[in-house]
Amino acid sequence: MTTLSRFAAVALLAAAATPLLAQSVTAGKLVIDHPWSRQTAPGQKVGGGFLSITNKGRSDDRLISATSPVAGEVQLHTMSMDGGVMRMREVKDGIAVPAGKTVALKPGGYHLMLMQLKRPLALGQSFPVTLRFQRQGAVKLSFKVEPVGFGGSEANHGRH
């Protein structure tokens, strides 16, 4: 194999892998990585949204709300286990994003709860979400829809 054909093969593989790479959005001092959701079944009315937020600034910020045209309401939630029972609660005062730290919204912890879904979240598609931060303001993102088992063992999360 020639050097040129090896380069072409590597370039082709890299291009094919691009959809698997995490999307990263920078808004001021905030870096938001890999916004994603799990696919939902027809008729399912709730889904979850996940991402990580890194605050590279010197001032704390706070995620205070989110909206999306695919849902009637988007709530900030936390999940915890209490005596073997999964408990989900809305976080009314927002999610702190301390200066110099990363906050993960992931299965089993903080997450976005997409309520009153207007359509199923279909595998491989994307949908818009706007996050609102206390300092940074509005940040528009595109969430990629991943398979049900993606990102952890909380596969039934969207059915609570």
C-alpha atoms as a PDB file:
ATOM      1  CA  MET A   1       0.000   0.000   0.000  1.00  0.00           C
ATOM      2  CA  THR A   2       1.422   3.371  -0.972  1.00  0.00           C
ATOM      3  CA  THR A   3       1.706   6.288   1.415  1.00  0.00           C
ATOM      4  CA  LEU A   4      -1.005   8.130  -0.511  1.00  0.00           C
ATOM      5  CA  SER A   5      -3.440   5.210  -0.343  1.00  0.00           C
ATOM      6  CA  ARG A   6      -2.714   4.770   3.397  1.00  0.00           C
ATOM      7  CA  PHE A   7      -3.416   8.447   3.928  1.00  0.00           C
ATOM      8  CA  ALA A   8      -6.659   8.157   1.941  1.00  0.00           C
ATOM      9  CA  ALA A   9      -7.730   5.126   3.991  1.00  0.00           C
ATOM     10  CA  VAL A  10      -7.033   6.923   7.281  1.00  0.00           C
ATOM     11  CA  ALA A  11      -8.877  10.025   6.050  1.00  0.00           C
ATOM     12  CA  LEU A  12     -11.868   7.896   5.032  1.00  0.00           C
ATOM     13  CA  LEU A  13     -11.973   6.173   8.432  1.00  0.00           C
ATOM     14  CA  ALA A  14     -11.724   9.520  10.219  1.00  0.00           C
ATOM     15  CA  ALA A  15     -14.584  10.930   8.152  1.00  0.00           C
ATOM     16  CA  ALA A  16     -16.723   7.869   8.897  1.00  0.00           C
ATOM     17  CA  ALA A  17     -16.018   8.212  12.636  1.00  0.00           C
ATOM     18  CA  THR A  18     -16.856  11.922  12.789  1.00  0.00           C
ATOM     19  CA  PRO A  19     -20.517  11.419  13.829  1.00  0.00           C
ATOM     20  CA  LEU A  20     -19.266   9.430  16.821  1.00  0.00           C
ATOM     21  CA  LEU A  21     -17.121  12.312  18.068  1.00  0.00           C
ATOM     22  CA  ALA A  22     -18.576  14.511  20.757  1.00  0.00           C
ATOM     23  CA  GLN A  23     -19.940  17.893  19.738  1.00  0.00           C
ATOM     24  CA  SER A  24     -18.424  20.738  21.702  1.00  0.00           C
ATOM     25  CA  VAL A  25     -19.943  24.226  21.959  1.00  0.00           C
ATOM     26  CA  THR A  26     -18.096  27.161  23.522  1.00  0.00           C
ATOM     27  CA  ALA A  27     -20.148  30.045  24.905  1.00  0.00           C
ATOM     28  CA  GLY A  28     -18.032  32.637  26.663  1.00  0.00           C
ATOM     29  CA  LYS A  29     -16.167  30.768  29.404  1.00  0.00           C
ATOM     30  CA  LEU A  30     -18.455  27.719  29.229  1.00  0.00           C
ATOM     31  CA  VAL A  31     -17.636  24.633  27.166  1.00  0.00           C
ATOM     32  CA  ILE A  32     -20.542  22.258  26.657  1.00  0.00           C
ATOM     33  CA  ASP A  33     -19.622  18.767  25.472  1.00  0.00           C
ATOM     34  CA  HIS A  34     -21.575  15.963  23.829  1.00  0.00           C
ATOM     35  CA  PRO A  35     -25.223  16.895  24.286  1.00  0.00           C
ATOM     36  CA  TRP A  36     -27.227  13.693  23.738  1.00  0.00           C
ATOM     37  CA  SER A  37     -30.470  11.937  24.469  1.00  0.00           C
ATOM     38  CA  ARG A  38     -31.748   8.385  24.177  1.00  0.00           C
ATOM     39  CA  GLN A  39     -34.197   7.320  21.513  1.00  0.00           C
ATOM     40  CA  THR A  40     -37.780   6.989  22.705  1.00  0.00           C
ATOM     41  CA  ALA A  41     -40.610   4.659  21.748  1.00  0.00           C
ATOM     42  CA  PRO A  42     -43.706   5.849  19.883  1.00  0.00           C
ATOM     43  CA  GLY A  43     -46.126   7.308  22.418  1.00  0.00           C
ATOM     44  CA  GLN A  44     -43.449   7.804  25.083  1.00  0.00           C
ATOM     45  CA  LYS A  45     -43.981  11.235  26.621  1.00  0.00           C
ATOM     46  CA  VAL A  46     -40.686  11.777  28.473  1.00  0.00           C
ATOM     47  CA  GLY A  47     -36.996  11.566  27.653  1.00  0.00           C
ATOM     48  CA  GLY A  48     -33.668  12.577  29.163  1.00  0.00           C
ATOM     49  CA  GLY A  49     -30.963  14.979  28.051  1.00  0.00           C
ATOM     50  CA  PHE A  50     -27.310  14.622  28.994  1.00  0.00           C
ATOM     51  CA  LEU A  51     -24.102  16.671  28.530  1.00  0.00           C
ATOM     52  CA  SER A  52     -21.159  18.098  30.420  1.00  0.00           C
ATOM     53  CA  ILE A  53     -20.508  21.765  31.178  1.00  0.00           C
ATOM     54  CA  THR A  54     -17.004  23.046  31.903  1.00  0.00           C
ATOM     55  CA  ASN A  55     -16.652  26.532  33.351  1.00  0.00           C
ATOM     56  CA  LYS A  56     -13.237  27.866  32.310  1.00  0.00           C
ATOM     57  CA  GLY A  57     -13.940  31.246  33.873  1.00  0.00           C
ATOM     58  CA  ARG A  58     -13.166  32.758  37.249  1.00  0.00           C
ATOM     59  CA  SER A  59     -16.823  33.280  38.199  1.00  0.00           C
ATOM     60  CA  ASP A  60     -19.396  30.655  39.088  1.00  0.00           C
ATOM     61  CA  ASP A  61     -22.403  30.271  36.800  1.00  0.00           C
ATOM     62  CA  ARG A  62     -25.672  28.384  37.141  1.00  0.00           C
ATOM     63  CA  LEU A  63     -27.804  26.468  34.655  1.00  0.00           C
ATOM     64  CA  ILE A  64     -31.259  27.852  35.441  1.00  0.00           C
ATOM     65  CA  SER A  65     -33.532  26.413  32.743  1.00  0.00           C
ATOM     66  CA  ALA A  66     -33.828  24.753  29.334  1.00  0.00           C
ATOM     67  CA  THR A  67     -36.344  24.692  26.481  1.00  0.00           C
ATOM     68  CA  SER A  68     -36.808  22.636  23.329  1.00  0.00           C
ATOM     69  CA  PRO A  69     -39.411  22.640  20.565  1.00  0.00           C
ATOM     70  CA  VAL A  70     -39.645  18.812  20.848  1.00  0.00           C
ATOM     71  CA  ALA A  71     -41.024  19.004  24.407  1.00  0.00           C
ATOM     72  CA  GLY A  72     -43.833  20.877  26.106  1.00  0.00           C
ATOM     73  CA  GLU A  73     -41.519  21.450  29.072  1.00  0.00           C
ATOM     74  CA  VAL A  74     -37.888  20.797  29.948  1.00  0.00           C
ATOM     75  CA  GLN A  75     -37.033  20.438  33.635  1.00  0.00           C
ATOM     76  CA  LEU A  76     -33.685  20.250  35.394  1.00  0.00           C
ATOM     77  CA  HIS A  77     -33.685  16.987  37.386  1.00  0.00           C
ATOM     78  CA  THR A  78     -31.566  14.969  39.741  1.00  0.00           C
ATOM     79  CA  MET A  79     -31.751  11.231  40.376  1.00  0.00           C
ATOM     80  CA  SER A  80     -30.777   9.439  43.564  1.00  0.00           C
ATOM     81  CA  MET A  81     -31.256   6.009  45.109  1.00  0.00           C
ATOM     82  CA  ASP A  82     -33.120   5.785  48.408  1.00  0.00           C
ATOM     83  CA  GLY A  83     -33.308   2.305  49.922  1.00  0.00           C
ATOM     84  CA  GLY A  84     -33.092   0.682  46.503  1.00  0.00           C
ATOM     85  CA  VAL A  85     -35.755   2.996  45.044  1.00  0.00           C
ATOM     86  CA  MET A  86     -34.876   5.431  42.259  1.00  0.00           C
ATOM     87  CA  ARG A  87     -36.068   8.953  43.097  1.00  0.00           C
ATOM     88  CA  MET A  88     -36.182  11.770  40.572  1.00  0.00           C
ATOM     89  CA  ARG A  89     -36.734  15.338  41.621  1.00  0.00           C
ATOM     90  CA  GLU A  90     -36.909  18.635  39.791  1.00  0.00           C
ATOM     91  CA  VAL A  91     -34.072  21.002  40.702  1.00  0.00           C
ATOM     92  CA  LYS A  92     -35.919  24.294  41.224  1.00  0.00           C
ATOM     93  CA  ASP A  93     -32.910  26.523  41.993  1.00  0.00           C
ATOM     94  CA  GLY A  94     -30.797  25.419  39.025  1.00  0.00           C
ATOM     95  CA  ILE A  95     -27.538  23.510  38.759  1.00  0.00           C
ATOM     96  CA  ALA A  96     -24.356  25.207  39.955  1.00  0.00           C
ATOM     97  CA  VAL A  97     -21.454  25.353  37.487  1.00  0.00           C
ATOM     98  CA  PRO A  98     -18.490  26.405  39.666  1.00  0.00           C
ATOM     99  CA  ALA A  99     -15.548  28.304  38.189  1.00  0.00           C
ATOM    100  CA  GLY A 100     -12.785  25.972  37.021  1.00  0.00           C
ATOM    101  CA  LYS A 101     -14.976  22.855  37.327  1.00  0.00           C
ATOM    102  CA  THR A 102     -16.936  20.462  35.110  1.00  0.00           C
ATOM    103  CA  VAL A 103     -20.494  19.435  35.892  1.00  0.00           C
ATOM    104  CA  ALA A 104     -21.803  16.266  34.222  1.00  0.00           C
ATOM    105  CA  LEU A 105     -25.469  15.837  33.430  1.00  0.00           C
ATOM    106  CA  LYS A 106     -25.616  12.068  33.010  1.00  0.00           C
ATOM    107  CA  PRO A 107     -27.771   9.028  33.685  1.00  0.00           C
ATOM    108  CA  GLY A 108     -27.972   8.480  37.437  1.00  0.00           C
ATOM    109  CA  GLY A 109     -27.407  12.134  38.396  1.00  0.00           C
ATOM    110  CA  TYR A 110     -28.277  15.595  37.155  1.00  0.00           C
ATOM    111  CA  HIS A 111     -30.033  15.592  33.762  1.00  0.00           C
ATOM    112  CA  LEU A 112     -32.592  17.384  31.624  1.00  0.00           C
ATOM    113  CA  MET A 113     -36.081  15.891  31.697  1.00  0.00           C
ATOM    114  CA  LEU A 114     -37.903  16.376  28.400  1.00  0.00           C
ATOM    115  CA  MET A 115     -41.595  16.343  29.341  1.00  0.00           C
ATOM    116  CA  GLN A 116     -44.634  16.067  27.044  1.00  0.00           C
ATOM    117  CA  LEU A 117     -42.615  14.976  24.008  1.00  0.00           C
ATOM    118  CA  LYS A 118     -44.279  16.119  20.798  1.00  0.00           C
ATOM    119  CA  ARG A 119     -42.689  13.328  18.747  1.00  0.00           C
ATOM    120  CA  PRO A 120     -40.475  10.303  19.364  1.00  0.00           C
ATOM    121  CA  LEU A 121     -36.753  10.977  19.603  1.00  0.00           C
ATOM    122  CA  ALA A 122     -35.519   8.892  16.665  1.00  0.00           C
ATOM    123  CA  LEU A 123     -32.131   7.192  16.653  1.00  0.00           C
ATOM    124  CA  GLY A 124     -29.485   9.157  14.739  1.00  0.00           C
ATOM    125  CA  GLN A 125     -31.524  12.346  14.524  1.00  0.00           C
ATOM    126  CA  SER A 126     -30.821  15.589  16.374  1.00  0.00           C
ATOM    127  CA  PHE A 127     -33.027  18.181  18.028  1.00  0.00           C
ATOM    128  CA  PRO A 128     -32.451  21.713  19.348  1.00  0.00           C
ATOM    129  CA  VAL A 129     -32.275  22.678  23.019  1.00  0.00           C
ATOM    130  CA  THR A 130     -31.642  26.123  24.480  1.00  0.00           C
ATOM    131  CA  LEU A 131     -29.940  26.214  27.871  1.00  0.00           C
ATOM    132  CA  ARG A 132     -30.236  29.346  30.004  1.00  0.00           C
ATOM    133  CA  PHE A 133     -27.437  30.261  32.370  1.00  0.00           C
ATOM    134  CA  GLN A 134     -27.499  32.902  35.090  1.00  0.00           C
ATOM    135  CA  ARG A 135     -24.364  34.669  33.776  1.00  0.00           C
ATOM    136  CA  GLN A 136     -23.841  33.399  30.243  1.00  0.00           C
ATOM    137  CA  GLY A 137     -27.463  33.678  29.141  1.00  0.00           C
ATOM    138  CA  ALA A 138     -28.945  31.527  26.369  1.00  0.00           C
ATOM    139  CA  VAL A 139     -26.870  28.836  24.649  1.00  0.00           C
ATOM    140  CA  LYS A 140     -28.334  26.915  21.705  1.00  0.00           C
ATOM    141  CA  LEU A 141     -27.291  23.289  21.215  1.00  0.00           C
ATOM    142  CA  SER A 142     -28.144  20.298  19.081  1.00  0.00           C
ATOM    143  CA  PHE A 143     -28.717  17.039  20.985  1.00  0.00           C
ATOM    144  CA  LYS A 144     -27.920  13.809  19.138  1.00  0.00           C
ATOM    145  CA  VAL A 145     -30.284  10.884  19.715  1.00  0.00           C
ATOM    146  CA  GLU A 146     -28.379   7.754  20.745  1.00  0.00           C
ATOM    147  CA  PRO A 147     -29.514   4.116  21.278  1.00  0.00           C
ATOM    148  CA  VAL A 148     -31.520   3.228  24.403  1.00  0.00           C
ATOM    149  CA  GLY A 149     -28.557   1.540  26.163  1.00  0.00           C
ATOM    150  CA  PHE A 150     -26.082   4.340  25.407  1.00  0.00           C
ATOM    151  CA  GLY A 151     -24.233   6.003  28.278  1.00  0.00           C
ATOM    152  CA  GLY A 152     -25.048   3.822  31.227  1.00  0.00           C
ATOM    153  CA  SER A 153     -27.372   1.333  32.821  1.00  0.00           C
ATOM    154  CA  GLU A 154     -30.311   3.700  33.390  1.00  0.00           C
ATOM    155  CA  ALA A 155     -32.036   2.486  30.194  1.00  0.00           C
ATOM    156  CA  ASN A 156     -35.506   2.816  31.708  1.00  0.00           C
ATOM    157  CA  HIS A 157     -34.943   6.429  32.796  1.00  0.00           C
ATOM    158  CA  GLY A 158     -37.300   7.876  30.214  1.00  0.00           C
ATOM    159  CA  ARG A 159     -40.220   5.770  31.462  1.00  0.00           C
ATOM    160  CA  HIS A 160     -40.614   7.240  34.965  1.00  0.00           C
END
